[in-house]
Amino acid sequence: MRWEPEGEVTRIANPITIEHTILRQNILPSLMEILAENRHHELPQRIQECGEVVRNHQNSWRVAWACAETNAGFTAAKGIAQALTRDLGAREDISFKSLDDNEGPWIPGRGAKILIGEIELGTFGEIDPRVSEIYGLKVPIHAGDFDLSALAEAIPDPLL
């Protein structure tokens, strides 16, 4: 997925299989595997997950989505990112910052960070076909991966 590890990677002492020797730091690779297992089903396919990851030996919660569809693109991914932040209560100070080439699984120029103020919430964009091919996928995919702790920090609780 071309992501650099965030802090130290947590390794499993006695893994059951050779494919599962570390704890995940991102959710998106799991979603790509699900899309790969379901590639024989018709499009569109849209999936999401909210779950735990382990970064620097600390558990945290993330939310991610992936959509395999013929008209998948950056605009669709940006729309989901905006809807997610808006529906959670963000009203102002939302900005987007382009990513460097090969920073994550995104097509160069079609991936971005979303921020509220100075707090980075996550990244989204179009998955690079070279990354999709690793999973045996040949359809356009847009996706995103957000840190729920950052969302909670950036968006005040409306009941308080």
Protein backbone atom coordinates (compact mmCIF):
# COMPACT_ATOMS: atom_id res chain seq x y z
CA MET A 1 0.00 0.00 0.00
CA ARG A 2 3.13 2.21 0.01
CA TRP A 3 2.53 3.49 3.54
CA GLU A 4 5.50 3.88 5.81
CA PRO A 5 4.98 2.23 9.22
CA GLU A 6 3.60 4.59 11.87
CA GLY A 7 5.92 4.09 14.84
CA GLU A 8 7.00 0.59 15.71
CA VAL A 9 5.29 -2.40 14.12
CA THR A 10 3.78 -4.88 16.59
CA ARG A 11 4.81 -8.43 15.71
CA ILE A 12 2.91 -11.56 16.77
CA ALA A 13 5.11 -13.96 18.74
CA ASN A 14 3.43 -17.20 17.55
CA PRO A 15 1.52 -16.47 14.32
CA ILE A 16 -0.89 -19.10 13.05
CA THR A 17 -0.05 -18.37 9.40
CA ILE A 18 2.89 -16.80 7.61
CA GLU A 19 0.58 -14.07 6.20
CA HIS A 20 -0.38 -12.81 9.66
CA THR A 21 2.83 -11.98 11.51
CA ILE A 22 2.11 -8.35 12.44
CA LEU A 23 -0.90 -6.41 13.72
CA ARG A 24 -2.45 -4.05 11.21
CA GLN A 25 -1.74 -0.33 11.22
CA ASN A 26 -4.39 0.52 8.61
CA ILE A 27 -7.80 -0.85 7.68
CA LEU A 28 -7.68 -0.21 3.94
CA PRO A 29 -5.56 -3.30 3.04
CA SER A 30 -8.25 -5.50 4.64
CA LEU A 31 -10.90 -3.82 2.50
CA MET A 32 -8.81 -4.37 -0.62
CA GLU A 33 -8.64 -8.08 0.24
CA ILE A 34 -12.43 -8.19 0.58
CA LEU A 35 -12.86 -6.52 -2.81
CA ALA A 36 -10.41 -9.02 -4.30
CA GLU A 37 -12.38 -11.96 -2.89
CA ASN A 38 -15.56 -10.51 -4.39
CA ARG A 39 -14.22 -9.41 -7.76
CA HIS A 40 -16.52 -11.87 -9.57
CA HIS A 41 -19.61 -10.00 -8.29
CA GLU A 42 -21.08 -7.14 -10.27
CA LEU A 43 -20.22 -3.51 -9.63
CA PRO A 44 -20.55 -1.21 -7.82
CA GLN A 45 -19.15 -2.63 -4.60
CA ARG A 46 -18.92 -0.32 -1.60
CA ILE A 47 -17.56 -1.42 1.77
CA GLN A 48 -16.47 0.24 4.98
CA GLU A 49 -15.08 -0.74 8.35
CA CYS A 50 -14.60 0.90 11.69
CA GLY A 51 -12.06 -1.02 13.72
CA GLU A 52 -8.94 -1.19 15.79
CA VAL A 53 -5.39 -0.88 14.52
CA VAL A 54 -2.11 -1.00 16.42
CA ARG A 55 0.46 1.74 15.92
CA ASN A 56 3.60 1.99 18.01
CA HIS A 57 2.21 -0.80 20.23
CA GLN A 58 -0.90 1.28 21.04
CA ASN A 59 -4.45 0.41 19.98
CA SER A 60 -6.43 3.08 18.18
CA TRP A 61 -9.61 3.24 16.15
CA ARG A 62 -9.84 4.05 12.45
CA VAL A 63 -12.58 4.10 9.85
CA ALA A 64 -12.03 3.33 6.18
CA TRP A 65 -14.02 2.80 3.01
CA ALA A 66 -13.34 1.45 -0.46
CA CYS A 67 -15.57 1.64 -3.51
CA ALA A 68 -15.00 -0.38 -6.67
CA GLU A 69 -17.05 1.13 -9.46
CA THR A 70 -16.60 2.10 -13.07
CA ASN A 71 -16.88 5.85 -12.40
CA ALA A 72 -14.72 5.80 -9.25
CA GLY A 73 -12.57 8.87 -8.96
CA PHE A 74 -11.05 11.49 -6.76
CA THR A 75 -14.23 13.58 -6.77
CA ALA A 76 -16.29 10.69 -5.40
CA ALA A 77 -13.71 10.06 -2.65
CA LYS A 78 -13.64 13.75 -1.73
CA GLY A 79 -17.45 13.75 -1.55
CA ILE A 80 -17.45 10.87 0.93
CA ALA A 81 -14.73 12.54 3.02
CA GLN A 82 -16.69 15.80 3.11
CA ALA A 83 -19.96 14.02 3.94
CA LEU A 84 -18.31 12.07 6.76
CA THR A 85 -16.86 15.19 8.40
CA ARG A 86 -20.04 17.20 7.84
CA ASP A 87 -22.28 14.47 9.24
CA LEU A 88 -20.06 14.24 12.33
CA GLY A 89 -20.50 17.96 12.96
CA ALA A 90 -17.58 19.72 11.26
CA ARG A 91 -18.81 23.04 9.96
CA GLU A 92 -15.74 25.19 9.39
CA ASP A 93 -12.02 25.18 8.79
CA ILE A 94 -11.96 22.01 6.65
CA SER A 95 -9.06 21.98 4.21
CA PHE A 96 -7.38 19.59 1.84
CA LYS A 97 -3.69 19.15 1.19
CA SER A 98 -2.30 17.28 -1.78
CA LEU A 99 -0.05 14.31 -1.08
CA ASP A 100 3.43 13.70 -2.40
CA ASP A 101 3.74 11.17 -5.23
CA ASN A 102 3.84 7.59 -3.92
CA GLU A 103 2.64 8.70 -0.47
CA GLY A 104 0.19 5.91 0.18
CA PRO A 105 -1.74 3.85 -2.35
CA TRP A 106 -3.06 6.84 -4.29
CA ILE A 107 -2.57 7.74 -7.95
CA PRO A 108 -0.08 10.65 -8.02
CA GLY A 109 -2.08 13.88 -7.96
CA ARG A 110 -5.33 12.08 -7.00
CA GLY A 111 -4.87 11.68 -3.27
CA ALA A 112 -5.22 14.19 -0.46
CA LYS A 113 -5.12 14.72 3.29
CA ILE A 114 -8.16 16.21 4.96
CA LEU A 115 -7.59 18.58 7.86
CA ILE A 116 -9.69 20.52 10.31
CA GLY A 117 -7.53 23.39 11.39
CA GLU A 118 -4.10 21.84 11.95
CA ILE A 119 -5.44 18.37 12.81
CA GLU A 120 -4.96 15.75 10.08
CA LEU A 121 -7.98 13.45 9.97
CA GLY A 122 -6.83 11.04 7.28
CA THR A 123 -6.25 10.52 3.59
CA PHE A 124 -8.43 9.62 0.61
CA GLY A 125 -8.27 9.38 -3.15
CA GLU A 126 -8.08 7.05 -6.12
CA ILE A 127 -6.17 3.81 -5.64
CA ASP A 128 -3.21 3.49 -8.03
CA PRO A 129 -3.82 0.64 -10.53
CA ARG A 130 -0.35 -0.70 -9.66
CA VAL A 131 -1.58 -1.19 -6.08
CA SER A 132 -4.90 -2.67 -7.24
CA GLU A 133 -3.09 -5.18 -9.44
CA ILE A 134 -1.35 -6.62 -6.36
CA TYR A 135 -4.83 -7.65 -5.18
CA GLY A 136 -5.88 -8.85 -8.63
CA LEU A 137 -8.29 -5.94 -9.08
CA LYS A 138 -8.73 -4.29 -12.47
CA VAL A 139 -11.50 -1.79 -11.74
CA PRO A 140 -11.17 1.80 -10.55
CA ILE A 141 -11.28 2.12 -6.77
CA HIS A 142 -11.60 5.18 -4.58
CA ALA A 143 -11.06 4.93 -0.86
CA GLY A 144 -10.20 6.70 2.37
CA ASP A 145 -8.78 5.98 5.81
CA PHE A 146 -9.47 8.24 8.83
CA ASP A 147 -8.24 8.37 12.42
CA LEU A 148 -11.22 8.46 14.81
CA SER A 149 -9.15 10.00 17.63
CA ALA A 150 -8.27 12.90 15.35
CA LEU A 151 -11.93 13.27 14.38
CA ALA A 152 -12.95 13.38 18.05
CA GLU A 153 -10.27 15.98 18.77
CA ALA A 154 -11.14 18.16 15.79
CA ILE A 155 -14.93 18.06 16.00
CA PRO A 156 -16.45 19.16 19.30
CA ASP A 157 -19.19 17.08 20.90
CA PRO A 158 -22.47 18.87 20.06
CA LEU A 159 -24.00 17.85 23.41
CA LEU A 160 -21.35 19.52 25.54
